[in-house]
C-alpha atoms as a PDB file:
ATOM      1  CA  MET A   1      21.889  -4.297 -18.697  1.00  0.00           C
ATOM      2  CA  ARG A   2      18.151  -4.090 -18.874  1.00  0.00           C
ATOM      3  CA  TYR A   3      16.235  -1.230 -20.414  1.00  0.00           C
ATOM      4  CA  ILE A   4      12.604  -0.601 -21.189  1.00  0.00           C
ATOM      5  CA  THR A   5      11.840   0.117 -24.834  1.00  0.00           C
ATOM      6  CA  LEU A   6       8.859   2.401 -25.152  1.00  0.00           C
ATOM      7  CA  LYS A   7       6.510   3.110 -28.039  1.00  0.00           C
ATOM      8  CA  THR A   8       5.440   6.687 -28.734  1.00  0.00           C
ATOM      9  CA  GLU A   9       1.974   6.107 -27.211  1.00  0.00           C
ATOM     10  CA  GLU A  10       3.564   4.714 -24.057  1.00  0.00           C
ATOM     11  CA  ILE A  11       5.926   7.678 -23.815  1.00  0.00           C
ATOM     12  CA  GLU A  12       2.986  10.091 -24.077  1.00  0.00           C
ATOM     13  CA  ALA A  13       1.039   8.168 -21.418  1.00  0.00           C
ATOM     14  CA  LEU A  14       4.045   8.129 -19.078  1.00  0.00           C
ATOM     15  CA  GLU A  15       4.663  11.849 -19.576  1.00  0.00           C
ATOM     16  CA  LEU A  16       1.055  12.495 -18.580  1.00  0.00           C
ATOM     17  CA  SER A  17       1.466  10.209 -15.580  1.00  0.00           C
ATOM     18  CA  CYS A  18       4.568  12.148 -14.497  1.00  0.00           C
ATOM     19  CA  LYS A  19       2.312  15.131 -13.826  1.00  0.00           C
ATOM     20  CA  SER A  20       0.032  13.075 -11.599  1.00  0.00           C
ATOM     21  CA  SER A  21      -0.640  14.292  -8.072  1.00  0.00           C
ATOM     22  CA  ASN A  22       0.057  10.742  -6.860  1.00  0.00           C
ATOM     23  CA  ASN A  23       3.763  10.654  -5.978  1.00  0.00           C
ATOM     24  CA  THR A  24       4.111   6.909  -6.566  1.00  0.00           C
ATOM     25  CA  ILE A  25       2.680   7.062 -10.080  1.00  0.00           C
ATOM     26  CA  SER A  26       4.835  10.071 -10.908  1.00  0.00           C
ATOM     27  CA  LYS A  27       8.025   8.431  -9.611  1.00  0.00           C
ATOM     28  CA  ARG A  28       7.452   5.161 -11.460  1.00  0.00           C
ATOM     29  CA  SER A  29       6.582   6.979 -14.690  1.00  0.00           C
ATOM     30  CA  GLN A  30       9.766   9.046 -14.517  1.00  0.00           C
ATOM     31  CA  CYS A  31      11.770   5.909 -13.848  1.00  0.00           C
ATOM     32  CA  LEU A  32      10.368   4.141 -16.901  1.00  0.00           C
ATOM     33  CA  LEU A  33      10.979   7.194 -19.085  1.00  0.00           C
ATOM     34  CA  LEU A  34      14.594   7.444 -17.922  1.00  0.00           C
ATOM     35  CA  SER A  35      15.083   3.753 -18.610  1.00  0.00           C
ATOM     36  CA  GLY A  36      13.762   4.324 -22.117  1.00  0.00           C
ATOM     37  CA  GLN A  37      16.446   6.992 -22.495  1.00  0.00           C
ATOM     38  CA  GLY A  38      19.179   4.492 -21.613  1.00  0.00           C
ATOM     39  CA  ARG A  39      19.715   4.873 -17.847  1.00  0.00           C
ATOM     40  CA  THR A  40      20.866   1.737 -16.045  1.00  0.00           C
ATOM     41  CA  ILE A  41      18.972   0.095 -13.206  1.00  0.00           C
ATOM     42  CA  ILE A  42      21.709   1.000 -10.732  1.00  0.00           C
ATOM     43  CA  ASP A  43      21.513   4.672 -11.751  1.00  0.00           C
ATOM     44  CA  LEU A  44      17.728   4.627 -11.430  1.00  0.00           C
ATOM     45  CA  ALA A  45      17.932   3.003  -8.009  1.00  0.00           C
ATOM     46  CA  LYS A  46      20.204   5.819  -6.824  1.00  0.00           C
ATOM     47  CA  ILE A  47      18.045   8.539  -8.389  1.00  0.00           C
ATOM     48  CA  PHE A  48      14.785   7.280  -6.876  1.00  0.00           C
ATOM     49  CA  ASN A  49      16.334   6.042  -3.629  1.00  0.00           C
ATOM     50  CA  VAL A  50      14.954   2.505  -3.915  1.00  0.00           C
ATOM     51  CA  SER A  51      16.606  -0.875  -4.249  1.00  0.00           C
ATOM     52  CA  ARG A  52      17.691  -2.361  -7.536  1.00  0.00           C
ATOM     53  CA  ARG A  53      15.126  -5.104  -7.008  1.00  0.00           C
ATOM     54  CA  SER A  54      12.328  -2.536  -6.756  1.00  0.00           C
ATOM     55  CA  ILE A  55      13.294  -1.105 -10.143  1.00  0.00           C
ATOM     56  CA  GLU A  56      13.332  -4.603 -11.627  1.00  0.00           C
ATOM     57  CA  ARG A  57       9.892  -5.248 -10.140  1.00  0.00           C
ATOM     58  CA  TRP A  58       8.579  -1.994 -11.689  1.00  0.00           C
ATOM     59  CA  PHE A  59       9.970  -3.115 -15.057  1.00  0.00           C
ATOM     60  CA  ASP A  60       8.401  -6.586 -14.752  1.00  0.00           C
ATOM     61  CA  ASN A  61       5.029  -5.092 -13.831  1.00  0.00           C
ATOM     62  CA  TRP A  62       5.262  -2.595 -16.696  1.00  0.00           C
ATOM     63  CA  GLU A  63       5.934  -5.386 -19.199  1.00  0.00           C
ATOM     64  CA  ASN A  64       2.998  -7.438 -17.883  1.00  0.00           C
ATOM     65  CA  GLU A  65       0.374  -4.792 -17.150  1.00  0.00           C
ATOM     66  CA  GLY A  66       1.428  -1.539 -18.798  1.00  0.00           C
ATOM     67  CA  VAL A  67      -0.034   1.678 -17.365  1.00  0.00           C
ATOM     68  CA  LYS A  68      -2.134  -0.290 -14.850  1.00  0.00           C
ATOM     69  CA  SER A  69       1.081  -1.243 -13.026  1.00  0.00           C
ATOM     70  CA  LEU A  70       1.904   2.324 -11.951  1.00  0.00           C
ATOM     71  CA  PRO A  71      -0.348   2.783  -8.861  1.00  0.00           C
ATOM     72  CA  ILE A  72       0.154   0.887  -5.631  1.00  0.00           C
ATOM     73  CA  THR A  73      -2.014  -2.204  -5.516  1.00  0.00           C
ATOM     74  CA  PRO A  74      -4.600  -2.425  -2.742  1.00  0.00           C
ATOM     75  CA  GLY A  75      -4.166  -4.824   0.141  1.00  0.00           C
ATOM     76  CA  ARG A  76      -0.778  -3.735   1.401  1.00  0.00           C
ATOM     77  CA  GLY A  77      -0.071  -3.257   5.077  1.00  0.00           C
ATOM     78  CA  VAL A  78      -1.030  -5.046   8.246  1.00  0.00           C
ATOM     79  CA  LYS A  79      -4.482  -6.599   8.257  1.00  0.00           C
ATOM     80  CA  THR A  80      -6.680  -6.022  11.270  1.00  0.00           C
ATOM     81  CA  ARG A  81      -7.183  -8.892  13.678  1.00  0.00           C
ATOM     82  CA  LEU A  82     -10.680  -7.756  14.564  1.00  0.00           C
ATOM     83  CA  LYS A  83     -12.487  -8.570  11.307  1.00  0.00           C
ATOM     84  CA  GLY A  84     -15.520 -10.706  12.044  1.00  0.00           C
ATOM     85  CA  LEU A  85     -15.682  -9.714  15.709  1.00  0.00           C
ATOM     86  CA  GLU A  86     -17.945  -6.693  15.211  1.00  0.00           C
ATOM     87  CA  THR A  87     -20.914  -8.305  17.001  1.00  0.00           C
ATOM     88  CA  VAL A  88     -18.758  -9.434  19.930  1.00  0.00           C
ATOM     89  CA  LEU A  89     -17.275  -5.951  20.220  1.00  0.00           C
ATOM     90  CA  SER A  90     -20.653  -4.217  20.138  1.00  0.00           C
ATOM     91  CA  GLU A  91     -21.949  -6.581  22.851  1.00  0.00           C
ATOM     92  CA  GLN A  92     -18.887  -5.940  25.001  1.00  0.00           C
ATOM     93  CA  LEU A  93     -19.188  -2.187  24.519  1.00  0.00           C
ATOM     94  CA  ASN A  94     -22.794  -2.345  25.709  1.00  0.00           C
ATOM     95  CA  ILE A  95     -21.951  -4.575  28.692  1.00  0.00           C
ATOM     96  CA  HIS A  96     -18.996  -2.512  29.867  1.00  0.00           C
ATOM     97  CA  SER A  97     -20.580   0.848  29.029  1.00  0.00           C
ATOM     98  CA  ARG A  98     -17.874   1.664  26.485  1.00  0.00           C
ATOM     99  CA  ASN A  99     -14.987   1.050  28.925  1.00  0.00           C
ATOM    100  CA  LEU A 100     -12.316  -0.030  26.456  1.00  0.00           C
ATOM    101  CA  LYS A 101      -9.979  -1.455  29.080  1.00  0.00           C
ATOM    102  CA  ASN A 102     -12.515  -4.167  29.926  1.00  0.00           C
ATOM    103  CA  VAL A 103     -13.147  -4.845  26.234  1.00  0.00           C
ATOM    104  CA  LEU A 104      -9.400  -5.303  25.694  1.00  0.00           C
ATOM    105  CA  LEU A 105      -9.264  -7.764  28.598  1.00  0.00           C
ATOM    106  CA  HIS A 106     -12.186  -9.720  27.119  1.00  0.00           C
ATOM    107  CA  LEU A 107     -10.467  -9.910  23.705  1.00  0.00           C
ATOM    108  CA  GLU A 108      -7.245 -11.118  25.285  1.00  0.00           C
ATOM    109  CA  GLU A 109      -8.855 -13.740  27.532  1.00  0.00           C
ATOM    110  CA  ASN A 110     -11.542 -15.143  25.233  1.00  0.00           C
ATOM    111  CA  HIS A 111     -10.172 -14.592  21.723  1.00  0.00           C
ATOM    112  CA  ASP A 112      -6.398 -14.536  22.345  1.00  0.00           C
ATOM    113  CA  ILE A 113      -6.074 -11.143  20.660  1.00  0.00           C
ATOM    114  CA  ARG A 114      -3.669  -8.594  22.143  1.00  0.00           C
ATOM    115  CA  ILE A 115      -4.035  -5.104  20.762  1.00  0.00           C
ATOM    116  CA  CYS A 116      -3.523  -1.660  22.178  1.00  0.00           C
ATOM    117  CA  LYS A 117      -6.301   0.713  23.129  1.00  0.00           C
ATOM    118  CA  ARG A 118      -5.532   3.021  20.201  1.00  0.00           C
ATOM    119  CA  THR A 119      -5.912   0.167  17.691  1.00  0.00           C
ATOM    120  CA  LEU A 120      -9.290  -0.688  19.149  1.00  0.00           C
ATOM    121  CA  GLN A 121     -10.344   2.954  19.009  1.00  0.00           C
ATOM    122  CA  ASN A 122      -9.325   3.188  15.359  1.00  0.00           C
ATOM    123  CA  PHE A 123     -11.192  -0.013  14.489  1.00  0.00           C
ATOM    124  CA  LEU A 124     -14.332   1.178  16.264  1.00  0.00           C
ATOM    125  CA  LYS A 125     -14.096   4.503  14.467  1.00  0.00           C
ATOM    126  CA  ASP A 126     -13.622   2.850  11.055  1.00  0.00           C
ATOM    127  CA  THR A 127     -16.505   0.419  11.521  1.00  0.00           C
ATOM    128  CA  GLY A 128     -18.820   2.990  13.096  1.00  0.00           C
ATOM    129  CA  LEU A 129     -19.415   1.026  16.312  1.00  0.00           C
END
């Protein structure tokens, strides 16, 4: 059985974090508070609908980083394949008068990158091209 022992300052900080508008921070704070009250990892996993390993990871991060461990760390998710190709894309957009089908063909033939039209549109929107 593994529990988190909390100091009074940590309890106050977690109670404040429970009221956060960020759902992830609120959920993790509540989990740590319940663990401090003696709930088991299996109970917490059922309550928060996550795996037992996720709860253990939250505990490990809490012990290492404290309150900084509550938000989701940046850099998660799929990374775009188009980073560094902004100049090539702008040239192709000018050549093909913004016809995205031809730009997609160019990316597939010359750079071995297969993406859908919607992904290209989102990338162009995000980069301002």
